[in-house]
Amino acid sequence: MSNVLTYSVSAAAPVDGDVVFRLFTLVINGEDQGTAELPATAAEGLSIFSVPQDAEVVLTLVDVDDAGNKSEPSVLTFIATDTVPPQQPGALGVTLLSEES
């Protein structure tokens, strides 16, 4: 059974001051999940999404200025890999069973 992994996306603030909005696109295993129009100030929490373990994920961010010009896209591609280890086991115990002389 595949685990489901949840991610949060962040990005640096726009470089240029005339950016009026950002376009964020998410593609999972080749299937376009749509494009969200975000405020120019969006940097933290651009998107929170869940994918099956081992899915291929492609994130794309484009800035759009007040004249409608689009930046070159910033693209991040990765395979959703489970890197979270299980919780530490409970404390170990030991009991003395006997003593011989």
PDB file of N, CA and C in Angstrom:
ATOM      1  N   MET A   1       0.837  -1.173   0.000  1.00  0.00           N
ATOM      2  CA  MET A   1       0.000   0.000   0.000  1.00  0.00           C
ATOM      3  C   MET A   1       0.888   1.245   0.000  1.00  0.00           C
ATOM      4  N   SER A   2       0.553   2.193  -0.837  1.00  0.00           N
ATOM      5  CA  SER A   2       1.313   3.430  -0.955  1.00  0.00           C
ATOM      6  C   SER A   2       0.930   4.409   0.145  1.00  0.00           C
ATOM      7  N   ASN A   3       1.938   5.052   0.695  1.00  0.00           N
ATOM      8  CA  ASN A   3       1.686   6.132   1.646  1.00  0.00           C
ATOM      9  C   ASN A   3       1.292   7.380   0.879  1.00  0.00           C
ATOM     10  N   VAL A   4       0.604   8.285   1.550  1.00  0.00           N
ATOM     11  CA  VAL A   4       0.274   9.592   0.985  1.00  0.00           C
ATOM     12  C   VAL A   4       1.137  10.614   1.704  1.00  0.00           C
ATOM     13  N   LEU A   5       1.869  11.414   0.927  1.00  0.00           N
ATOM     14  CA  LEU A   5       2.782  12.410   1.472  1.00  0.00           C
ATOM     15  C   LEU A   5       2.206  13.806   1.231  1.00  0.00           C
ATOM     16  N   THR A   6       2.287  14.678   2.224  1.00  0.00           N
ATOM     17  CA  THR A   6       1.752  16.030   2.123  1.00  0.00           C
ATOM     18  C   THR A   6       2.892  17.028   2.177  1.00  0.00           C
ATOM     19  N   TYR A   7       2.862  17.984   1.257  1.00  0.00           N
ATOM     20  CA  TYR A   7       3.914  18.990   1.124  1.00  0.00           C
ATOM     21  C   TYR A   7       3.319  20.398   1.203  1.00  0.00           C
ATOM     22  N   SER A   8       4.156  21.340   1.631  1.00  0.00           N
ATOM     23  CA  SER A   8       3.837  22.763   1.589  1.00  0.00           C
ATOM     24  C   SER A   8       4.882  23.435   0.708  1.00  0.00           C
ATOM     25  N   VAL A   9       4.443  24.336  -0.182  1.00  0.00           N
ATOM     26  CA  VAL A   9       5.341  24.988  -1.126  1.00  0.00           C
ATOM     27  C   VAL A   9       5.577  26.436  -0.716  1.00  0.00           C
ATOM     28  N   SER A  10       6.836  26.857  -0.776  1.00  0.00           N
ATOM     29  CA  SER A  10       7.180  28.262  -0.538  1.00  0.00           C
ATOM     30  C   SER A  10       8.098  28.723  -1.661  1.00  0.00           C
ATOM     31  N   ALA A  11       8.244  30.045  -1.793  1.00  0.00           N
ATOM     32  CA  ALA A  11       9.122  30.613  -2.815  1.00  0.00           C
ATOM     33  C   ALA A  11       9.645  31.942  -2.316  1.00  0.00           C
ATOM     34  N   ALA A  12      10.757  32.365  -2.881  1.00  0.00           N
ATOM     35  CA  ALA A  12      11.281  33.694  -2.564  1.00  0.00           C
ATOM     36  C   ALA A  12      10.310  34.747  -3.088  1.00  0.00           C
ATOM     37  N   ALA A  13      10.353  35.914  -2.480  1.00  0.00           N
ATOM     38  CA  ALA A  13       9.516  37.037  -2.934  1.00  0.00           C
ATOM     39  C   ALA A  13       9.912  37.409  -4.364  1.00  0.00           C
ATOM     40  N   PRO A  14       9.004  38.033  -5.111  1.00  0.00           N
ATOM     41  CA  PRO A  14       9.342  38.462  -6.471  1.00  0.00           C
ATOM     42  C   PRO A  14      10.564  39.382  -6.473  1.00  0.00           C
ATOM     43  N   VAL A  15      11.337  39.290  -7.531  1.00  0.00           N
ATOM     44  CA  VAL A  15      12.541  40.105  -7.663  1.00  0.00           C
ATOM     45  C   VAL A  15      12.184  41.538  -8.050  1.00  0.00           C
ATOM     46  N   ASP A  16      11.219  41.704  -8.944  1.00  0.00           N
ATOM     47  CA  ASP A  16      10.837  43.028  -9.434  1.00  0.00           C
ATOM     48  C   ASP A  16       9.630  43.585  -8.683  1.00  0.00           C
ATOM     49  N   GLY A  17       9.629  44.895  -8.498  1.00  0.00           N
ATOM     50  CA  GLY A  17       8.572  45.559  -7.737  1.00  0.00           C
ATOM     51  C   GLY A  17       7.259  45.723  -8.472  1.00  0.00           C
ATOM     52  N   ASP A  18       7.237  45.521  -9.804  1.00  0.00           N
ATOM     53  CA  ASP A  18       5.987  45.724 -10.545  1.00  0.00           C
ATOM     54  C   ASP A  18       5.207  44.431 -10.773  1.00  0.00           C
ATOM     55  N   VAL A  19       5.585  43.357 -10.060  1.00  0.00           N
ATOM     56  CA  VAL A  19       4.842  42.098 -10.155  1.00  0.00           C
ATOM     57  C   VAL A  19       3.482  42.300  -9.478  1.00  0.00           C
ATOM     58  N   VAL A  20       2.405  41.945 -10.185  1.00  0.00           N
ATOM     59  CA  VAL A  20       1.057  42.131  -9.638  1.00  0.00           C
ATOM     60  C   VAL A  20       0.400  40.818  -9.212  1.00  0.00           C
ATOM     61  N   PHE A  21       0.847  39.700  -9.789  1.00  0.00           N
ATOM     62  CA  PHE A  21       0.369  38.401  -9.322  1.00  0.00           C
ATOM     63  C   PHE A  21       1.330  37.314  -9.769  1.00  0.00           C
ATOM     64  N   ARG A  22       1.131  36.121  -9.198  1.00  0.00           N
ATOM     65  CA  ARG A  22       1.968  34.963  -9.494  1.00  0.00           C
ATOM     66  C   ARG A  22       1.068  33.829  -9.964  1.00  0.00           C
ATOM     67  N   LEU A  23       1.587  33.012 -10.869  1.00  0.00           N
ATOM     68  CA  LEU A  23       0.861  31.839 -11.349  1.00  0.00           C
ATOM     69  C   LEU A  23       1.598  30.591 -10.884  1.00  0.00           C
ATOM     70  N   PHE A  24       0.907  29.766 -10.112  1.00  0.00           N
ATOM     71  CA  PHE A  24       1.491  28.534  -9.582  1.00  0.00           C
ATOM     72  C   PHE A  24       0.779  27.343 -10.205  1.00  0.00           C
ATOM     73  N   THR A  25       1.562  26.438 -10.804  1.00  0.00           N
ATOM     74  CA  THR A  25       1.005  25.247 -11.446  1.00  0.00           C
ATOM     75  C   THR A  25       1.582  24.000 -10.795  1.00  0.00           C
ATOM     76  N   LEU A  26       0.715  23.021 -10.586  1.00  0.00           N
ATOM     77  CA  LEU A  26       1.089  21.742  -9.985  1.00  0.00           C
ATOM     78  C   LEU A  26       0.737  20.620 -10.963  1.00  0.00           C
ATOM     79  N   VAL A  27       1.732  19.766 -11.256  1.00  0.00           N
ATOM     80  CA  VAL A  27       1.517  18.597 -12.109  1.00  0.00           C
ATOM     81  C   VAL A  27       1.957  17.365 -11.320  1.00  0.00           C
ATOM     82  N   ILE A  28       1.067  16.369 -11.229  1.00  0.00           N
ATOM     83  CA  ILE A  28       1.358  15.134 -10.493  1.00  0.00           C
ATOM     84  C   ILE A  28       1.253  13.963 -11.463  1.00  0.00           C
ATOM     85  N   ASN A  29       2.348  13.222 -11.581  1.00  0.00           N
ATOM     86  CA  ASN A  29       2.400  12.076 -12.500  1.00  0.00           C
ATOM     87  C   ASN A  29       1.892  12.436 -13.894  1.00  0.00           C
ATOM     88  N   GLY A  30       2.302  13.612 -14.377  1.00  0.00           N
ATOM     89  CA  GLY A  30       1.939  14.046 -15.724  1.00  0.00           C
ATOM     90  C   GLY A  30       0.554  14.642 -15.854  1.00  0.00           C
ATOM     91  N   GLU A  31      -0.229  14.664 -14.784  1.00  0.00           N
ATOM     92  CA  GLU A  31      -1.587  15.214 -14.831  1.00  0.00           C
ATOM     93  C   GLU A  31      -1.605  16.615 -14.242  1.00  0.00           C
ATOM     94  N   ASP A  32      -1.966  17.603 -15.075  1.00  0.00           N
ATOM     95  CA  ASP A  32      -2.034  18.993 -14.650  1.00  0.00           C
ATOM     96  C   ASP A  32      -3.154  19.157 -13.622  1.00  0.00           C
ATOM     97  N   GLN A  33      -2.800  19.653 -12.448  1.00  0.00           N
ATOM     98  CA  GLN A  33      -3.765  19.854 -11.375  1.00  0.00           C
ATOM     99  C   GLN A  33      -4.349  21.259 -11.391  1.00  0.00           C
ATOM    100  N   GLY A  34      -3.938  22.065 -12.365  1.00  0.00           N
ATOM    101  CA  GLY A  34      -4.466  23.413 -12.502  1.00  0.00           C
ATOM    102  C   GLY A  34      -3.446  24.470 -12.116  1.00  0.00           C
ATOM    103  N   THR A  35      -3.791  25.698 -12.438  1.00  0.00           N
ATOM    104  CA  THR A  35      -2.944  26.850 -12.144  1.00  0.00           C
ATOM    105  C   THR A  35      -3.703  27.790 -11.234  1.00  0.00           C
ATOM    106  N   ALA A  36      -3.056  28.190 -10.150  1.00  0.00           N
ATOM    107  CA  ALA A  36      -3.666  29.129  -9.198  1.00  0.00           C
ATOM    108  C   ALA A  36      -3.042  30.505  -9.397  1.00  0.00           C
ATOM    109  N   GLU A  37      -3.878  31.539  -9.400  1.00  0.00           N
ATOM    110  CA  GLU A  37      -3.391  32.914  -9.439  1.00  0.00           C
ATOM    111  C   GLU A  37      -3.250  33.383  -7.998  1.00  0.00           C
ATOM    112  N   LEU A  38      -2.043  33.778  -7.621  1.00  0.00           N
ATOM    113  CA  LEU A  38      -1.734  34.167  -6.248  1.00  0.00           C
ATOM    114  C   LEU A  38      -1.333  35.632  -6.189  1.00  0.00           C
ATOM    115  N   PRO A  39      -1.480  36.273  -5.040  1.00  0.00           N
ATOM    116  CA  PRO A  39      -1.044  37.662  -4.908  1.00  0.00           C
ATOM    117  C   PRO A  39       0.469  37.783  -5.113  1.00  0.00           C
ATOM    118  N   ALA A  40       0.909  38.956  -5.501  1.00  0.00           N
ATOM    119  CA  ALA A  40       2.334  39.199  -5.730  1.00  0.00           C
ATOM    120  C   ALA A  40       3.154  38.954  -4.471  1.00  0.00           C
ATOM    121  N   THR A  41       2.547  39.118  -3.318  1.00  0.00           N
ATOM    122  CA  THR A  41       3.262  38.954  -2.048  1.00  0.00           C
ATOM    123  C   THR A  41       3.343  37.506  -1.589  1.00  0.00           C
ATOM    124  N   ALA A  42       2.693  36.589  -2.296  1.00  0.00           N
ATOM    125  CA  ALA A  42       2.666  35.181  -1.874  1.00  0.00           C
ATOM    126  C   ALA A  42       4.079  34.597  -1.889  1.00  0.00           C
ATOM    127  N   ALA A  43       4.486  34.058  -0.757  1.00  0.00           N
ATOM    128  CA  ALA A  43       5.806  33.426  -0.657  1.00  0.00           C
ATOM    129  C   ALA A  43       5.720  32.147   0.176  1.00  0.00           C
ATOM    130  N   GLU A  44       5.139  32.207   1.354  1.00  0.00           N
ATOM    131  CA  GLU A  44       4.963  31.031   2.212  1.00  0.00           C
ATOM    132  C   GLU A  44       3.584  30.425   1.948  1.00  0.00           C
ATOM    133  N   GLY A  45       3.506  29.118   1.998  1.00  0.00           N
ATOM    134  CA  GLY A  45       2.205  28.459   1.843  1.00  0.00           C
ATOM    135  C   GLY A  45       1.560  28.700   0.492  1.00  0.00           C
ATOM    136  N   LEU A  46       2.371  28.717  -0.580  1.00  0.00           N
ATOM    137  CA  LEU A  46       1.803  28.904  -1.921  1.00  0.00           C
ATOM    138  C   LEU A  46       0.773  27.821  -2.212  1.00  0.00           C
ATOM    139  N   SER A  47       1.064  26.634  -1.730  1.00  0.00           N
ATOM    140  CA  SER A  47       0.168  25.497  -1.941  1.00  0.00           C
ATOM    141  C   SER A  47       0.484  24.431  -0.907  1.00  0.00           C
ATOM    142  N   ILE A  48      -0.528  23.724  -0.497  1.00  0.00           N
ATOM    143  CA  ILE A  48      -0.371  22.521   0.308  1.00  0.00           C
ATOM    144  C   ILE A  48      -1.075  21.423  -0.478  1.00  0.00           C
ATOM    145  N   PHE A  49      -0.351  20.328  -0.739  1.00  0.00           N
ATOM    146  CA  PHE A  49      -0.931  19.260  -1.544  1.00  0.00           C
ATOM    147  C   PHE A  49      -0.452  17.909  -1.043  1.00  0.00           C
ATOM    148  N   SER A  50      -1.222  16.883  -1.363  1.00  0.00           N
ATOM    149  CA  SER A  50      -0.895  15.508  -0.988  1.00  0.00           C
ATOM    150  C   SER A  50      -0.772  14.667  -2.250  1.00  0.00           C
ATOM    151  N   VAL A  51       0.217  13.770  -2.245  1.00  0.00           N
ATOM    152  CA  VAL A  51       0.460  12.900  -3.393  1.00  0.00           C
ATOM    153  C   VAL A  51       0.808  11.502  -2.903  1.00  0.00           C
ATOM    154  N   PRO A  52       0.590  10.496  -3.739  1.00  0.00           N
ATOM    155  CA  PRO A  52       1.023   9.156  -3.370  1.00  0.00           C
ATOM    156  C   PRO A  52       2.552   9.083  -3.340  1.00  0.00           C
ATOM    157  N   GLN A  53       3.074   8.270  -2.453  1.00  0.00           N
ATOM    158  CA  GLN A  53       4.516   8.038  -2.405  1.00  0.00           C
ATOM    159  C   GLN A  53       4.998   7.608  -3.785  1.00  0.00           C
ATOM    160  N   ASP A  54       6.169   8.079  -4.185  1.00  0.00           N
ATOM    161  CA  ASP A  54       6.825   7.782  -5.458  1.00  0.00           C
ATOM    162  C   ASP A  54       6.203   8.508  -6.657  1.00  0.00           C
ATOM    163  N   ALA A  55       5.280   9.441  -6.427  1.00  0.00           N
ATOM    164  CA  ALA A  55       4.719  10.231  -7.524  1.00  0.00           C
ATOM    165  C   ALA A  55       5.762  11.226  -8.025  1.00  0.00           C
ATOM    166  N   GLU A  56       5.709  11.521  -9.331  1.00  0.00           N
ATOM    167  CA  GLU A  56       6.542  12.592  -9.883  1.00  0.00           C
ATOM    168  C   GLU A  56       5.763  13.899  -9.764  1.00  0.00           C
ATOM    169  N   VAL A  57       6.403  14.910  -9.190  1.00  0.00           N
ATOM    170  CA  VAL A  57       5.761  16.201  -8.949  1.00  0.00           C
ATOM    171  C   VAL A  57       6.534  17.284  -9.691  1.00  0.00           C
ATOM    172  N   VAL A  58       5.809  18.147 -10.410  1.00  0.00           N
ATOM    173  CA  VAL A  58       6.421  19.289 -11.087  1.00  0.00           C
ATOM    174  C   VAL A  58       5.701  20.547 -10.610  1.00  0.00           C
ATOM    175  N   LEU A  59       6.472  21.467 -10.015  1.00  0.00           N
ATOM    176  CA  LEU A  59       5.953  22.746  -9.541  1.00  0.00           C
ATOM    177  C   LEU A  59       6.482  23.841 -10.463  1.00  0.00           C
ATOM    178  N   THR A  60       5.617  24.775 -10.860  1.00  0.00           N
ATOM    179  CA  THR A  60       6.037  25.878 -11.718  1.00  0.00           C
ATOM    180  C   THR A  60       5.474  27.182 -11.165  1.00  0.00           C
ATOM    181  N   LEU A  61       6.334  28.204 -11.099  1.00  0.00           N
ATOM    182  CA  LEU A  61       5.911  29.527 -10.630  1.00  0.00           C
ATOM    183  C   LEU A  61       6.341  30.568 -11.659  1.00  0.00           C
ATOM    184  N   VAL A  62       5.389  31.418 -12.057  1.00  0.00           N
ATOM    185  CA  VAL A  62       5.637  32.498 -13.013  1.00  0.00           C
ATOM    186  C   VAL A  62       5.134  33.790 -12.389  1.00  0.00           C
ATOM    187  N   ASP A  63       5.937  34.858 -12.463  1.00  0.00           N
ATOM    188  CA  ASP A  63       5.505  36.180 -12.001  1.00  0.00           C
ATOM    189  C   ASP A  63       4.992  36.978 -13.202  1.00  0.00           C
ATOM    190  N   VAL A  64       3.917  37.751 -12.958  1.00  0.00           N
ATOM    191  CA  VAL A  64       3.306  38.569 -14.007  1.00  0.00           C
ATOM    192  C   VAL A  64       3.314  40.020 -13.547  1.00  0.00           C
ATOM    193  N   ASP A  65       3.819  40.914 -14.421  1.00  0.00           N
ATOM    194  CA  ASP A  65       3.914  42.323 -14.027  1.00  0.00           C
ATOM    195  C   ASP A  65       2.673  43.109 -14.440  1.00  0.00           C
ATOM    196  N   ASP A  66       2.680  44.406 -14.121  1.00  0.00           N
ATOM    197  CA  ASP A  66       1.504  45.253 -14.354  1.00  0.00           C
ATOM    198  C   ASP A  66       1.199  45.478 -15.834  1.00  0.00           C
ATOM    199  N   ALA A  67       2.124  45.127 -16.738  1.00  0.00           N
ATOM    200  CA  ALA A  67       1.876  45.231 -18.176  1.00  0.00           C
ATOM    201  C   ALA A  67       1.457  43.885 -18.771  1.00  0.00           C
ATOM    202  N   GLY A  68       1.346  42.862 -17.913  1.00  0.00           N
ATOM    203  CA  GLY A  68       0.956  41.533 -18.376  1.00  0.00           C
ATOM    204  C   GLY A  68       2.113  40.674 -18.846  1.00  0.00           C
ATOM    205  N   ASN A  69       3.340  41.161 -18.696  1.00  0.00           N
ATOM    206  CA  ASN A  69       4.516  40.378 -19.081  1.00  0.00           C
ATOM    207  C   ASN A  69       4.739  39.250 -18.083  1.00  0.00           C
ATOM    208  N   LYS A  70       5.077  38.079 -18.615  1.00  0.00           N
ATOM    209  CA  LYS A  70       5.331  36.911 -17.764  1.00  0.00           C
ATOM    210  C   LYS A  70       6.825  36.638 -17.672  1.00  0.00           C
ATOM    211  N   SER A  71       7.276  36.307 -16.463  1.00  0.00           N
ATOM    212  CA  SER A  71       8.674  35.932 -16.252  1.00  0.00           C
ATOM    213  C   SER A  71       8.937  34.556 -16.844  1.00  0.00           C
ATOM    214  N   GLU A  72      10.213  34.208 -16.951  1.00  0.00           N
ATOM    215  CA  GLU A  72      10.576  32.831 -17.229  1.00  0.00           C
ATOM    216  C   GLU A  72      10.105  32.009 -16.037  1.00  0.00           C
ATOM    217  N   PRO A  73       9.665  30.780 -16.243  1.00  0.00           N
ATOM    218  CA  PRO A  73       9.183  29.982 -15.114  1.00  0.00           C
ATOM    219  C   PRO A  73      10.307  29.496 -14.209  1.00  0.00           C
ATOM    220  N   SER A  74      10.003  29.419 -12.941  1.00  0.00           N
ATOM    221  CA  SER A  74      10.849  28.731 -11.978  1.00  0.00           C
ATOM    222  C   SER A  74      10.226  27.353 -11.808  1.00  0.00           C
ATOM    223  N   VAL A  75      10.997  26.294 -12.044  1.00  0.00           N
ATOM    224  CA  VAL A  75      10.451  24.932 -12.058  1.00  0.00           C
ATOM    225  C   VAL A  75      11.217  24.056 -11.073  1.00  0.00           C
ATOM    226  N   LEU A  76      10.470  23.275 -10.317  1.00  0.00           N
ATOM    227  CA  LEU A  76      11.060  22.287  -9.411  1.00  0.00           C
ATOM    228  C   LEU A  76      10.379  20.947  -9.687  1.00  0.00           C
ATOM    229  N   THR A  77      11.184  19.935  -9.994  1.00  0.00           N
ATOM    230  CA  THR A  77      10.672  18.583 -10.246  1.00  0.00           C
ATOM    231  C   THR A  77      11.288  17.642  -9.218  1.00  0.00           C
ATOM    232  N   PHE A  78      10.450  16.788  -8.631  1.00  0.00           N
ATOM    233  CA  PHE A  78      10.967  15.813  -7.669  1.00  0.00           C
ATOM    234  C   PHE A  78      10.073  14.589  -7.611  1.00  0.00           C
ATOM    235  N   ILE A  79      10.621  13.517  -7.044  1.00  0.00           N
ATOM    236  CA  ILE A  79       9.860  12.301  -6.772  1.00  0.00           C
ATOM    237  C   ILE A  79       9.491  12.332  -5.296  1.00  0.00           C
ATOM    238  N   ALA A  80       8.217  12.169  -5.001  1.00  0.00           N
ATOM    239  CA  ALA A  80       7.732  12.194  -3.613  1.00  0.00           C
ATOM    240  C   ALA A  80       8.246  10.957  -2.883  1.00  0.00           C
ATOM    241  N   THR A  81       9.222  11.168  -2.030  1.00  0.00           N
ATOM    242  CA  THR A  81       9.876  10.077  -1.326  1.00  0.00           C
ATOM    243  C   THR A  81       9.612  10.185   0.166  1.00  0.00           C
ATOM    244  N   ASP A  82       9.247   9.084   0.769  1.00  0.00           N
ATOM    245  CA  ASP A  82       9.014   9.053   2.216  1.00  0.00           C
ATOM    246  C   ASP A  82      10.352   9.112   2.930  1.00  0.00           C
ATOM    247  N   THR A  83      10.643  10.235   3.576  1.00  0.00           N
ATOM    248  CA  THR A  83      11.897  10.401   4.313  1.00  0.00           C
ATOM    249  C   THR A  83      11.646  10.574   5.809  1.00  0.00           C
ATOM    250  N   VAL A  84      10.420  10.305   6.248  1.00  0.00           N
ATOM    251  CA  VAL A  84      10.067  10.458   7.656  1.00  0.00           C
ATOM    252  C   VAL A  84      10.215   9.098   8.339  1.00  0.00           C
ATOM    253  N   PRO A  85      11.151   8.981   9.295  1.00  0.00           N
ATOM    254  CA  PRO A  85      11.329   7.695   9.975  1.00  0.00           C
ATOM    255  C   PRO A  85      10.190   7.439  10.961  1.00  0.00           C
ATOM    256  N   PRO A  86       9.991   6.182  11.342  1.00  0.00           N
ATOM    257  CA  PRO A  86       8.979   5.898  12.361  1.00  0.00           C
ATOM    258  C   PRO A  86       9.399   6.495  13.712  1.00  0.00           C
ATOM    259  N   GLN A  87       8.449   6.627  14.597  1.00  0.00           N
ATOM    260  CA  GLN A  87       8.724   7.141  15.939  1.00  0.00           C
ATOM    261  C   GLN A  87       9.691   6.217  16.669  1.00  0.00           C
ATOM    262  N   GLN A  88      10.431   6.793  17.601  1.00  0.00           N
ATOM    263  CA  GLN A  88      11.358   6.017  18.415  1.00  0.00           C
ATOM    264  C   GLN A  88      10.566   5.004  19.233  1.00  0.00           C
ATOM    265  N   PRO A  89      11.061   3.758  19.325  1.00  0.00           N
ATOM    266  CA  PRO A  89      10.369   2.766  20.156  1.00  0.00           C
ATOM    267  C   PRO A  89      10.355   3.210  21.620  1.00  0.00           C
ATOM    268  N   GLY A  90       9.445   2.632  22.381  1.00  0.00           N
ATOM    269  CA  GLY A  90       9.377   2.916  23.816  1.00  0.00           C
ATOM    270  C   GLY A  90      10.650   2.478  24.523  1.00  0.00           C
ATOM    271  N   ALA A  91      10.744   2.851  25.790  1.00  0.00           N
ATOM    272  CA  ALA A  91      11.949   2.558  26.576  1.00  0.00           C
ATOM    273  C   ALA A  91      12.169   1.057  26.702  1.00  0.00           C
ATOM    274  N   LEU A  92      13.434   0.670  26.683  1.00  0.00           N
ATOM    275  CA  LEU A  92      13.805  -0.722  26.919  1.00  0.00           C
ATOM    276  C   LEU A  92      13.858  -0.978  28.421  1.00  0.00           C
ATOM    277  N   GLY A  93      13.613  -2.195  28.801  1.00  0.00           N
ATOM    278  CA  GLY A  93      13.717  -2.574  30.205  1.00  0.00           C
ATOM    279  C   GLY A  93      14.503  -3.867  30.346  1.00  0.00           C
ATOM    280  N   VAL A  94      15.068  -4.082  31.499  1.00  0.00           N
ATOM    281  CA  VAL A  94      15.803  -5.308  31.757  1.00  0.00           C
ATOM    282  C   VAL A  94      15.487  -5.760  33.178  1.00  0.00           C
ATOM    283  N   THR A  95      15.366  -7.059  33.348  1.00  0.00           N
ATOM    284  CA  THR A  95      15.076  -7.616  34.663  1.00  0.00           C
ATOM    285  C   THR A  95      16.139  -8.654  35.016  1.00  0.00           C
ATOM    286  N   LEU A  96      16.712  -8.550  36.201  1.00  0.00           N
ATOM    287  CA  LEU A  96      17.686  -9.533  36.669  1.00  0.00           C
ATOM    288  C   LEU A  96      16.919 -10.803  37.012  1.00  0.00           C
ATOM    289  N   LEU A  97      17.313 -11.920  36.445  1.00  0.00           N
ATOM    290  CA  LEU A  97      16.610 -13.179  36.695  1.00  0.00           C
ATOM    291  C   LEU A  97      17.288 -14.022  37.762  1.00  0.00           C
ATOM    292  N   SER A  98      18.595 -13.943  37.872  1.00  0.00           N
ATOM    293  CA  SER A  98      19.266 -14.749  38.905  1.00  0.00           C
ATOM    294  C   SER A  98      20.675 -14.225  39.144  1.00  0.00           C
ATOM    295  N   GLU A  99      21.249 -14.693  40.252  1.00  0.00           N
ATOM    296  CA  GLU A  99      22.636 -14.395  40.591  1.00  0.00           C
ATOM    297  C   GLU A  99      23.260 -15.670  41.108  1.00  0.00           C
ATOM    298  N   GLU A 100      24.433 -16.037  40.645  1.00  0.00           N
ATOM    299  CA  GLU A 100      25.135 -17.226  41.111  1.00  0.00           C
ATOM    300  C   GLU A 100      26.476 -16.817  41.676  1.00  0.00           C
ATOM    301  N   SER A 101      26.927 -17.598  42.709  1.00  0.00           N
ATOM    302  CA  SER A 101      28.254 -17.312  43.258  1.00  0.00           C
ATOM    303  C   SER A 101      29.153 -18.493  43.076  1.00  0.00           C
TER     304      SER A 101
END
